[in-house]
Amino acid sequence: MPSTHSVSICTNWEGGAGDSVNWTSVPTSCTSANPCSISQDGTKTWPFTASSPISIPSTTNFTLKSDLVTGQTYYYNVSCCSTHSVTITGK
């Protein structure tokens, strides 16, 4: 069964394929008028079901794709704090 992870937007984390993430600790500089974005890291596999880029704070809860490989690390860019990753764990 999928889990929901509350994760600081500027940290690396672990989760299972199909899990959702609720971004926390979003910098105060990320506002509706000046959103931050989470986007694909070059040509690397995008781990989320929502299309890249994701605007923050307009939405804070996202789901990981269900076909991600256990043990694999997926990278994404966070405009307010650099490149971060999610490592897929077994359930």
PDB file of N, CA and C in Angstrom:
ATOM      1  N   MET A   1       0.843  -1.181   0.000  1.00  0.00           N
ATOM      2  CA  MET A   1       0.000   0.000   0.000  1.00  0.00           C
ATOM      3  C   MET A   1       0.888   1.244   0.000  1.00  0.00           C
ATOM      4  N   PRO A   2       0.615   2.217  -0.866  1.00  0.00           N
ATOM      5  CA  PRO A   2       1.428   3.433  -0.934  1.00  0.00           C
ATOM      6  C   PRO A   2       1.406   4.226   0.373  1.00  0.00           C
ATOM      7  N   SER A   3       2.514   4.901   0.633  1.00  0.00           N
ATOM      8  CA  SER A   3       2.657   5.750   1.814  1.00  0.00           C
ATOM      9  C   SER A   3       2.786   7.201   1.381  1.00  0.00           C
ATOM     10  N   THR A   4       2.566   8.112   2.328  1.00  0.00           N
ATOM     11  CA  THR A   4       2.807   9.531   2.094  1.00  0.00           C
ATOM     12  C   THR A   4       3.985   9.953   2.950  1.00  0.00           C
ATOM     13  N   HIS A   5       4.947  10.621   2.333  1.00  0.00           N
ATOM     14  CA  HIS A   5       6.140  11.089   3.022  1.00  0.00           C
ATOM     15  C   HIS A   5       6.095  12.606   3.129  1.00  0.00           C
ATOM     16  N   SER A   6       6.346  13.142   4.307  1.00  0.00           N
ATOM     17  CA  SER A   6       6.507  14.581   4.484  1.00  0.00           C
ATOM     18  C   SER A   6       8.002  14.843   4.429  1.00  0.00           C
ATOM     19  N   VAL A   7       8.432  15.574   3.390  1.00  0.00           N
ATOM     20  CA  VAL A   7       9.852  15.725   3.095  1.00  0.00           C
ATOM     21  C   VAL A   7      10.187  17.198   2.894  1.00  0.00           C
ATOM     22  N   SER A   8      11.276  17.638   3.529  1.00  0.00           N
ATOM     23  CA  SER A   8      11.773  18.987   3.281  1.00  0.00           C
ATOM     24  C   SER A   8      12.148  19.095   1.808  1.00  0.00           C
ATOM     25  N   ILE A   9      11.700  20.143   1.161  1.00  0.00           N
ATOM     26  CA  ILE A   9      11.906  20.298  -0.282  1.00  0.00           C
ATOM     27  C   ILE A   9      13.390  20.340  -0.670  1.00  0.00           C
ATOM     28  N   CYS A  10      14.250  20.701   0.274  1.00  0.00           N
ATOM     29  CA  CYS A  10      15.685  20.842  -0.028  1.00  0.00           C
ATOM     30  C   CYS A  10      16.525  19.685   0.501  1.00  0.00           C
ATOM     31  N   THR A  11      15.944  18.474   0.595  1.00  0.00           N
ATOM     32  CA  THR A  11      16.708  17.315   1.048  1.00  0.00           C
ATOM     33  C   THR A  11      16.506  16.133   0.106  1.00  0.00           C
ATOM     34  N   ASN A  12      17.440  15.199   0.154  1.00  0.00           N
ATOM     35  CA  ASN A  12      17.289  13.926  -0.542  1.00  0.00           C
ATOM     36  C   ASN A  12      16.440  13.027   0.356  1.00  0.00           C
ATOM     37  N   TRP A  13      15.732  12.070  -0.222  1.00  0.00           N
ATOM     38  CA  TRP A  13      14.845  11.229   0.572  1.00  0.00           C
ATOM     39  C   TRP A  13      14.669   9.867  -0.063  1.00  0.00           C
ATOM     40  N   GLU A  14      13.981   8.986   0.659  1.00  0.00           N
ATOM     41  CA  GLU A  14      13.689   7.633   0.180  1.00  0.00           C
ATOM     42  C   GLU A  14      12.191   7.396   0.217  1.00  0.00           C
ATOM     43  N   GLY A  15      11.698   6.661  -0.753  1.00  0.00           N
ATOM     44  CA  GLY A  15      10.290   6.316  -0.793  1.00  0.00           C
ATOM     45  C   GLY A  15      10.067   5.158  -1.742  1.00  0.00           C
ATOM     46  N   GLY A  16       8.895   4.577  -1.675  1.00  0.00           N
ATOM     47  CA  GLY A  16       8.543   3.474  -2.548  1.00  0.00           C
ATOM     48  C   GLY A  16       7.844   3.948  -3.808  1.00  0.00           C
ATOM     49  N   ALA A  17       7.984   3.183  -4.886  1.00  0.00           N
ATOM     50  CA  ALA A  17       7.270   3.490  -6.124  1.00  0.00           C
ATOM     51  C   ALA A  17       5.783   3.590  -5.812  1.00  0.00           C
ATOM     52  N   GLY A  18       5.126   4.627  -6.322  1.00  0.00           N
ATOM     53  CA  GLY A  18       3.706   4.840  -6.088  1.00  0.00           C
ATOM     54  C   GLY A  18       3.393   5.628  -4.829  1.00  0.00           C
ATOM     55  N   ASP A  19       4.415   5.882  -3.990  1.00  0.00           N
ATOM     56  CA  ASP A  19       4.206   6.682  -2.786  1.00  0.00           C
ATOM     57  C   ASP A  19       3.986   8.140  -3.171  1.00  0.00           C
ATOM     58  N   SER A  20       3.439   8.906  -2.234  1.00  0.00           N
ATOM     59  CA  SER A  20       3.287  10.337  -2.472  1.00  0.00           C
ATOM     60  C   SER A  20       4.191  11.101  -1.520  1.00  0.00           C
ATOM     61  N   VAL A  21       4.465  12.341  -1.898  1.00  0.00           N
ATOM     62  CA  VAL A  21       5.307  13.216  -1.085  1.00  0.00           C
ATOM     63  C   VAL A  21       4.565  14.521  -0.853  1.00  0.00           C
ATOM     64  N   ASN A  22       4.613  14.981   0.389  1.00  0.00           N
ATOM     65  CA  ASN A  22       4.076  16.276   0.760  1.00  0.00           C
ATOM     66  C   ASN A  22       5.280  17.142   1.101  1.00  0.00           C
ATOM     67  N   TRP A  23       5.588  18.127   0.262  1.00  0.00           N
ATOM     68  CA  TRP A  23       6.768  18.965   0.466  1.00  0.00           C
ATOM     69  C   TRP A  23       6.594  19.851   1.688  1.00  0.00           C
ATOM     70  N   THR A  24       7.612  19.894   2.528  1.00  0.00           N
ATOM     71  CA  THR A  24       7.619  20.742   3.717  1.00  0.00           C
ATOM     72  C   THR A  24       8.835  21.659   3.657  1.00  0.00           C
ATOM     73  N   SER A  25       8.932  22.554   4.610  1.00  0.00           N
ATOM     74  CA  SER A  25      10.071  23.485   4.707  1.00  0.00           C
ATOM     75  C   SER A  25      10.325  24.220   3.393  1.00  0.00           C
ATOM     76  N   VAL A  26       9.248  24.605   2.727  1.00  0.00           N
ATOM     77  CA  VAL A  26       9.374  25.365   1.482  1.00  0.00           C
ATOM     78  C   VAL A  26       9.868  26.766   1.861  1.00  0.00           C
ATOM     79  N   PRO A  27      10.951  27.246   1.243  1.00  0.00           N
ATOM     80  CA  PRO A  27      11.473  28.567   1.591  1.00  0.00           C
ATOM     81  C   PRO A  27      10.409  29.657   1.443  1.00  0.00           C
ATOM     82  N   THR A  28      10.473  30.654   2.302  1.00  0.00           N
ATOM     83  CA  THR A  28       9.493  31.744   2.251  1.00  0.00           C
ATOM     84  C   THR A  28       9.596  32.541   0.959  1.00  0.00           C
ATOM     85  N   SER A  29      10.713  32.399   0.244  1.00  0.00           N
ATOM     86  CA  SER A  29      10.860  33.087  -1.042  1.00  0.00           C
ATOM     87  C   SER A  29       9.975  32.467  -2.124  1.00  0.00           C
ATOM     88  N   CYS A  30       9.463  31.269  -1.890  1.00  0.00           N
ATOM     89  CA  CYS A  30       8.555  30.604  -2.841  1.00  0.00           C
ATOM     90  C   CYS A  30       7.137  31.045  -2.520  1.00  0.00           C
ATOM     91  N   THR A  31       6.606  31.932  -3.332  1.00  0.00           N
ATOM     92  CA  THR A  31       5.267  32.478  -3.111  1.00  0.00           C
ATOM     93  C   THR A  31       4.405  32.236  -4.336  1.00  0.00           C
ATOM     94  N   SER A  32       3.131  32.500  -4.224  1.00  0.00           N
ATOM     95  CA  SER A  32       2.238  32.366  -5.377  1.00  0.00           C
ATOM     96  C   SER A  32       2.681  33.287  -6.512  1.00  0.00           C
ATOM     97  N   ALA A  33       3.176  34.469  -6.152  1.00  0.00           N
ATOM     98  CA  ALA A  33       3.631  35.427  -7.164  1.00  0.00           C
ATOM     99  C   ALA A  33       4.994  35.055  -7.731  1.00  0.00           C
ATOM    100  N   ASN A  34       5.805  34.334  -6.954  1.00  0.00           N
ATOM    101  CA  ASN A  34       7.154  33.962  -7.373  1.00  0.00           C
ATOM    102  C   ASN A  34       7.406  32.502  -6.976  1.00  0.00           C
ATOM    103  N   PRO A  35       6.746  31.548  -7.656  1.00  0.00           N
ATOM    104  CA  PRO A  35       6.875  30.145  -7.253  1.00  0.00           C
ATOM    105  C   PRO A  35       8.256  29.565  -7.538  1.00  0.00           C
ATOM    106  N   CYS A  36       8.618  28.566  -6.746  1.00  0.00           N
ATOM    107  CA  CYS A  36       9.802  27.763  -7.015  1.00  0.00           C
ATOM    108  C   CYS A  36       9.349  26.619  -7.924  1.00  0.00           C
ATOM    109  N   SER A  37      10.293  25.943  -8.527  1.00  0.00           N
ATOM    110  CA  SER A  37       9.892  24.827  -9.375  1.00  0.00           C
ATOM    111  C   SER A  37      10.764  23.611  -9.130  1.00  0.00           C
ATOM    112  N   ILE A  38      10.153  22.449  -9.335  1.00  0.00           N
ATOM    113  CA  ILE A  38      10.846  21.168  -9.318  1.00  0.00           C
ATOM    114  C   ILE A  38      10.776  20.685 -10.750  1.00  0.00           C
ATOM    115  N   SER A  39      11.938  20.405 -11.333  1.00  0.00           N
ATOM    116  CA  SER A  39      11.956  20.059 -12.754  1.00  0.00           C
ATOM    117  C   SER A  39      12.897  18.889 -13.037  1.00  0.00           C
ATOM    118  N   GLN A  40      12.739  18.336 -14.218  1.00  0.00           N
ATOM    119  CA  GLN A  40      13.550  17.201 -14.650  1.00  0.00           C
ATOM    120  C   GLN A  40      15.013  17.612 -14.711  1.00  0.00           C
ATOM    121  N   ASP A  41      15.909  16.730 -14.279  1.00  0.00           N
ATOM    122  CA  ASP A  41      17.344  16.958 -14.313  1.00  0.00           C
ATOM    123  C   ASP A  41      17.872  16.460 -15.664  1.00  0.00           C
ATOM    124  N   GLY A  42      17.968  17.371 -16.603  1.00  0.00           N
ATOM    125  CA  GLY A  42      18.454  17.022 -17.947  1.00  0.00           C
ATOM    126  C   GLY A  42      17.601  15.956 -18.598  1.00  0.00           C
ATOM    127  N   THR A  43      18.233  14.851 -19.018  1.00  0.00           N
ATOM    128  CA  THR A  43      17.508  13.760 -19.668  1.00  0.00           C
ATOM    129  C   THR A  43      17.280  12.587 -18.723  1.00  0.00           C
ATOM    130  N   LYS A  44      17.601  12.794 -17.426  1.00  0.00           N
ATOM    131  CA  LYS A  44      17.396  11.718 -16.452  1.00  0.00           C
ATOM    132  C   LYS A  44      15.913  11.454 -16.256  1.00  0.00           C
ATOM    133  N   THR A  45      15.585  10.234 -15.854  1.00  0.00           N
ATOM    134  CA  THR A  45      14.193   9.836 -15.670  1.00  0.00           C
ATOM    135  C   THR A  45      13.509  10.714 -14.633  1.00  0.00           C
ATOM    136  N   TRP A  46      12.385  11.261 -14.996  1.00  0.00           N
ATOM    137  CA  TRP A  46      11.548  12.086 -14.122  1.00  0.00           C
ATOM    138  C   TRP A  46      10.747  11.149 -13.226  1.00  0.00           C
ATOM    139  N   PRO A  47      10.856  11.257 -11.879  1.00  0.00           N
ATOM    140  CA  PRO A  47      10.229  10.261 -11.008  1.00  0.00           C
ATOM    141  C   PRO A  47       8.767  10.498 -10.623  1.00  0.00           C
ATOM    142  N   PHE A  48       8.200  11.632 -10.990  1.00  0.00           N
ATOM    143  CA  PHE A  48       6.847  11.965 -10.532  1.00  0.00           C
ATOM    144  C   PHE A  48       5.801  11.756 -11.624  1.00  0.00           C
ATOM    145  N   THR A  49       4.551  11.498 -11.217  1.00  0.00           N
ATOM    146  CA  THR A  49       3.475  11.329 -12.192  1.00  0.00           C
ATOM    147  C   THR A  49       3.060  12.655 -12.814  1.00  0.00           C
ATOM    148  N   ALA A  50       3.187  13.758 -12.067  1.00  0.00           N
ATOM    149  CA  ALA A  50       2.882  15.088 -12.608  1.00  0.00           C
ATOM    150  C   ALA A  50       3.970  15.466 -13.610  1.00  0.00           C
ATOM    151  N   SER A  51       3.608  16.224 -14.630  1.00  0.00           N
ATOM    152  CA  SER A  51       4.576  16.652 -15.641  1.00  0.00           C
ATOM    153  C   SER A  51       5.552  17.667 -15.070  1.00  0.00           C
ATOM    154  N   SER A  52       6.772  17.648 -15.594  1.00  0.00           N
ATOM    155  CA  SER A  52       7.787  18.636 -15.223  1.00  0.00           C
ATOM    156  C   SER A  52       7.538  19.914 -16.011  1.00  0.00           C
ATOM    157  N   PRO A  53       7.669  21.082 -15.413  1.00  0.00           N
ATOM    158  CA  PRO A  53       8.023  21.379 -14.030  1.00  0.00           C
ATOM    159  C   PRO A  53       6.799  21.436 -13.120  1.00  0.00           C
ATOM    160  N   ILE A  54       7.059  21.252 -11.835  1.00  0.00           N
ATOM    161  CA  ILE A  54       6.050  21.359 -10.790  1.00  0.00           C
ATOM    162  C   ILE A  54       6.257  22.715 -10.102  1.00  0.00           C
ATOM    163  N   SER A  55       5.191  23.485  -9.925  1.00  0.00           N
ATOM    164  CA  SER A  55       5.297  24.778  -9.246  1.00  0.00           C
ATOM    165  C   SER A  55       4.977  24.642  -7.775  1.00  0.00           C
ATOM    166  N   ILE A  56       5.822  25.225  -6.940  1.00  0.00           N
ATOM    167  CA  ILE A  56       5.634  25.226  -5.499  1.00  0.00           C
ATOM    168  C   ILE A  56       5.540  26.683  -5.073  1.00  0.00           C
ATOM    169  N   PRO A  57       4.594  27.141  -4.327  1.00  0.00           N
ATOM    170  CA  PRO A  57       3.726  26.396  -3.431  1.00  0.00           C
ATOM    171  C   PRO A  57       2.356  26.078  -3.972  1.00  0.00           C
ATOM    172  N   SER A  58       2.089  26.251  -5.252  1.00  0.00           N
ATOM    173  CA  SER A  58       0.728  26.035  -5.744  1.00  0.00           C
ATOM    174  C   SER A  58       0.204  24.647  -5.444  1.00  0.00           C
ATOM    175  N   THR A  59       1.072  23.653  -5.468  1.00  0.00           N
ATOM    176  CA  THR A  59       0.694  22.293  -5.102  1.00  0.00           C
ATOM    177  C   THR A  59       1.850  21.704  -4.314  1.00  0.00           C
ATOM    178  N   THR A  60       1.561  20.956  -3.267  1.00  0.00           N
ATOM    179  CA  THR A  60       2.651  20.423  -2.463  1.00  0.00           C
ATOM    180  C   THR A  60       2.640  18.910  -2.351  1.00  0.00           C
ATOM    181  N   ASN A  61       1.631  18.231  -2.859  1.00  0.00           N
ATOM    182  CA  ASN A  61       1.568  16.781  -2.726  1.00  0.00           C
ATOM    183  C   ASN A  61       1.661  16.138  -4.109  1.00  0.00           C
ATOM    184  N   PHE A  62       2.662  15.264  -4.287  1.00  0.00           N
ATOM    185  CA  PHE A  62       2.880  14.609  -5.567  1.00  0.00           C
ATOM    186  C   PHE A  62       3.112  13.126  -5.387  1.00  0.00           C
ATOM    187  N   THR A  63       2.872  12.361  -6.446  1.00  0.00           N
ATOM    188  CA  THR A  63       3.014  10.913  -6.409  1.00  0.00           C
ATOM    189  C   THR A  63       4.183  10.477  -7.275  1.00  0.00           C
ATOM    190  N   LEU A  64       4.959   9.513  -6.749  1.00  0.00           N
ATOM    191  CA  LEU A  64       6.035   8.906  -7.531  1.00  0.00           C
ATOM    192  C   LEU A  64       5.430   7.931  -8.537  1.00  0.00           C
ATOM    193  N   LYS A  65       6.053   7.792  -9.678  1.00  0.00           N
ATOM    194  CA  LYS A  65       5.590   6.826 -10.678  1.00  0.00           C
ATOM    195  C   LYS A  65       5.632   5.426 -10.075  1.00  0.00           C
ATOM    196  N   SER A  66       4.710   4.582 -10.498  1.00  0.00           N
ATOM    197  CA  SER A  66       4.607   3.234  -9.925  1.00  0.00           C
ATOM    198  C   SER A  66       5.597   2.247 -10.538  1.00  0.00           C
ATOM    199  N   ASP A  67       6.252   2.620 -11.651  1.00  0.00           N
ATOM    200  CA  ASP A  67       7.172   1.696 -12.313  1.00  0.00           C
ATOM    201  C   ASP A  67       8.649   2.007 -12.048  1.00  0.00           C
ATOM    202  N   LEU A  68       8.944   2.789 -11.000  1.00  0.00           N
ATOM    203  CA  LEU A  68      10.330   3.108 -10.667  1.00  0.00           C
ATOM    204  C   LEU A  68      11.024   1.881 -10.088  1.00  0.00           C
ATOM    205  N   VAL A  69      12.322   1.766 -10.320  1.00  0.00           N
ATOM    206  CA  VAL A  69      13.094   0.580  -9.954  1.00  0.00           C
ATOM    207  C   VAL A  69      13.617   0.672  -8.517  1.00  0.00           C
ATOM    208  N   THR A  70      13.343  -0.355  -7.712  1.00  0.00           N
ATOM    209  CA  THR A  70      13.828  -0.419  -6.338  1.00  0.00           C
ATOM    210  C   THR A  70      15.357  -0.365  -6.330  1.00  0.00           C
ATOM    211  N   GLY A  71      15.907   0.467  -5.447  1.00  0.00           N
ATOM    212  CA  GLY A  71      17.349   0.628  -5.338  1.00  0.00           C
ATOM    213  C   GLY A  71      17.917   1.708  -6.234  1.00  0.00           C
ATOM    214  N   GLN A  72      17.132   2.209  -7.164  1.00  0.00           N
ATOM    215  CA  GLN A  72      17.577   3.245  -8.098  1.00  0.00           C
ATOM    216  C   GLN A  72      17.361   4.624  -7.469  1.00  0.00           C
ATOM    217  N   THR A  73      18.275   5.556  -7.754  1.00  0.00           N
ATOM    218  CA  THR A  73      18.140   6.934  -7.301  1.00  0.00           C
ATOM    219  C   THR A  73      17.749   7.796  -8.489  1.00  0.00           C
ATOM    220  N   TYR A  74      16.735   8.633  -8.313  1.00  0.00           N
ATOM    221  CA  TYR A  74      16.228   9.515  -9.357  1.00  0.00           C
ATOM    222  C   TYR A  74      16.468  10.956  -8.934  1.00  0.00           C
ATOM    223  N   TYR A  75      17.044  11.753  -9.840  1.00  0.00           N
ATOM    224  CA  TYR A  75      17.422  13.131  -9.540  1.00  0.00           C
ATOM    225  C   TYR A  75      16.449  14.109 -10.173  1.00  0.00           C
ATOM    226  N   TYR A  76      16.262  15.257  -9.508  1.00  0.00           N
ATOM    227  CA  TYR A  76      15.418  16.330 -10.007  1.00  0.00           C
ATOM    228  C   TYR A  76      15.981  17.652  -9.501  1.00  0.00           C
ATOM    229  N   ASN A  77      15.698  18.721 -10.218  1.00  0.00           N
ATOM    230  CA  ASN A  77      16.186  20.046  -9.845  1.00  0.00           C
ATOM    231  C   ASN A  77      15.127  20.787  -9.037  1.00  0.00           C
ATOM    232  N   VAL A  78      15.581  21.480  -7.999  1.00  0.00           N
ATOM    233  CA  VAL A  78      14.711  22.325  -7.175  1.00  0.00           C
ATOM    234  C   VAL A  78      15.254  23.741  -7.312  1.00  0.00           C
ATOM    235  N   SER A  79      14.484  24.631  -7.913  1.00  0.00           N
ATOM    236  CA  SER A  79      15.002  25.957  -8.250  1.00  0.00           C
ATOM    237  C   SER A  79      15.455  26.768  -7.041  1.00  0.00           C
ATOM    238  N   CYS A  80      14.892  26.514  -5.883  1.00  0.00           N
ATOM    239  CA  CYS A  80      15.246  27.301  -4.699  1.00  0.00           C
ATOM    240  C   CYS A  80      16.396  26.699  -3.902  1.00  0.00           C
ATOM    241  N   CYS A  81      16.911  25.523  -4.305  1.00  0.00           N
ATOM    242  CA  CYS A  81      17.985  24.933  -3.495  1.00  0.00           C
ATOM    243  C   CYS A  81      18.809  23.853  -4.194  1.00  0.00           C
ATOM    244  N   SER A  82      18.871  23.742  -5.471  1.00  0.00           N
ATOM    245  CA  SER A  82      19.744  22.854  -6.257  1.00  0.00           C
ATOM    246  C   SER A  82      19.140  21.506  -6.610  1.00  0.00           C
ATOM    247  N   THR A  83      19.997  20.548  -6.934  1.00  0.00           N
ATOM    248  CA  THR A  83      19.552  19.224  -7.368  1.00  0.00           C
ATOM    249  C   THR A  83      19.402  18.300  -6.162  1.00  0.00           C
ATOM    250  N   HIS A  84      18.311  17.544  -6.138  1.00  0.00           N
ATOM    251  CA  HIS A  84      18.065  16.583  -5.056  1.00  0.00           C
ATOM    252  C   HIS A  84      17.597  15.265  -5.657  1.00  0.00           C
ATOM    253  N   SER A  85      17.379  14.276  -4.799  1.00  0.00           N
ATOM    254  CA  SER A  85      17.050  12.955  -5.311  1.00  0.00           C
ATOM    255  C   SER A  85      16.101  12.205  -4.400  1.00  0.00           C
ATOM    256  N   VAL A  86      15.486  11.192  -5.002  1.00  0.00           N
ATOM    257  CA  VAL A  86      14.699  10.220  -4.256  1.00  0.00           C
ATOM    258  C   VAL A  86      15.254   8.850  -4.619  1.00  0.00           C
ATOM    259  N   THR A  87      15.518   8.030  -3.600  1.00  0.00           N
ATOM    260  CA  THR A  87      15.957   6.653  -3.816  1.00  0.00           C
ATOM    261  C   THR A  87      14.768   5.749  -3.533  1.00  0.00           C
ATOM    262  N   ILE A  88      14.503   4.846  -4.459  1.00  0.00           N
ATOM    263  CA  ILE A  88      13.336   3.978  -4.348  1.00  0.00           C
ATOM    264  C   ILE A  88      13.677   2.775  -3.473  1.00  0.00           C
ATOM    265  N   THR A  89      12.865   2.564  -2.443  1.00  0.00           N
ATOM    266  CA  THR A  89      13.053   1.464  -1.535  1.00  0.00           C
ATOM    267  C   THR A  89      12.005   0.400  -1.786  1.00  0.00           C
ATOM    268  N   GLY A  90      12.272  -0.814  -1.341  1.00  0.00           N
ATOM    269  CA  GLY A  90      11.288  -1.886  -1.436  1.00  0.00           C
ATOM    270  C   GLY A  90      10.196  -1.653  -0.421  1.00  0.00           C
ATOM    271  N   LYS A  91       9.055  -2.240  -0.652  1.00  0.00           N
ATOM    272  CA  LYS A  91       7.922  -2.044   0.270  1.00  0.00           C
ATOM    273  C   LYS A  91       7.912  -3.138   1.293  1.00  0.00           C
TER     274      LYS A  91
END
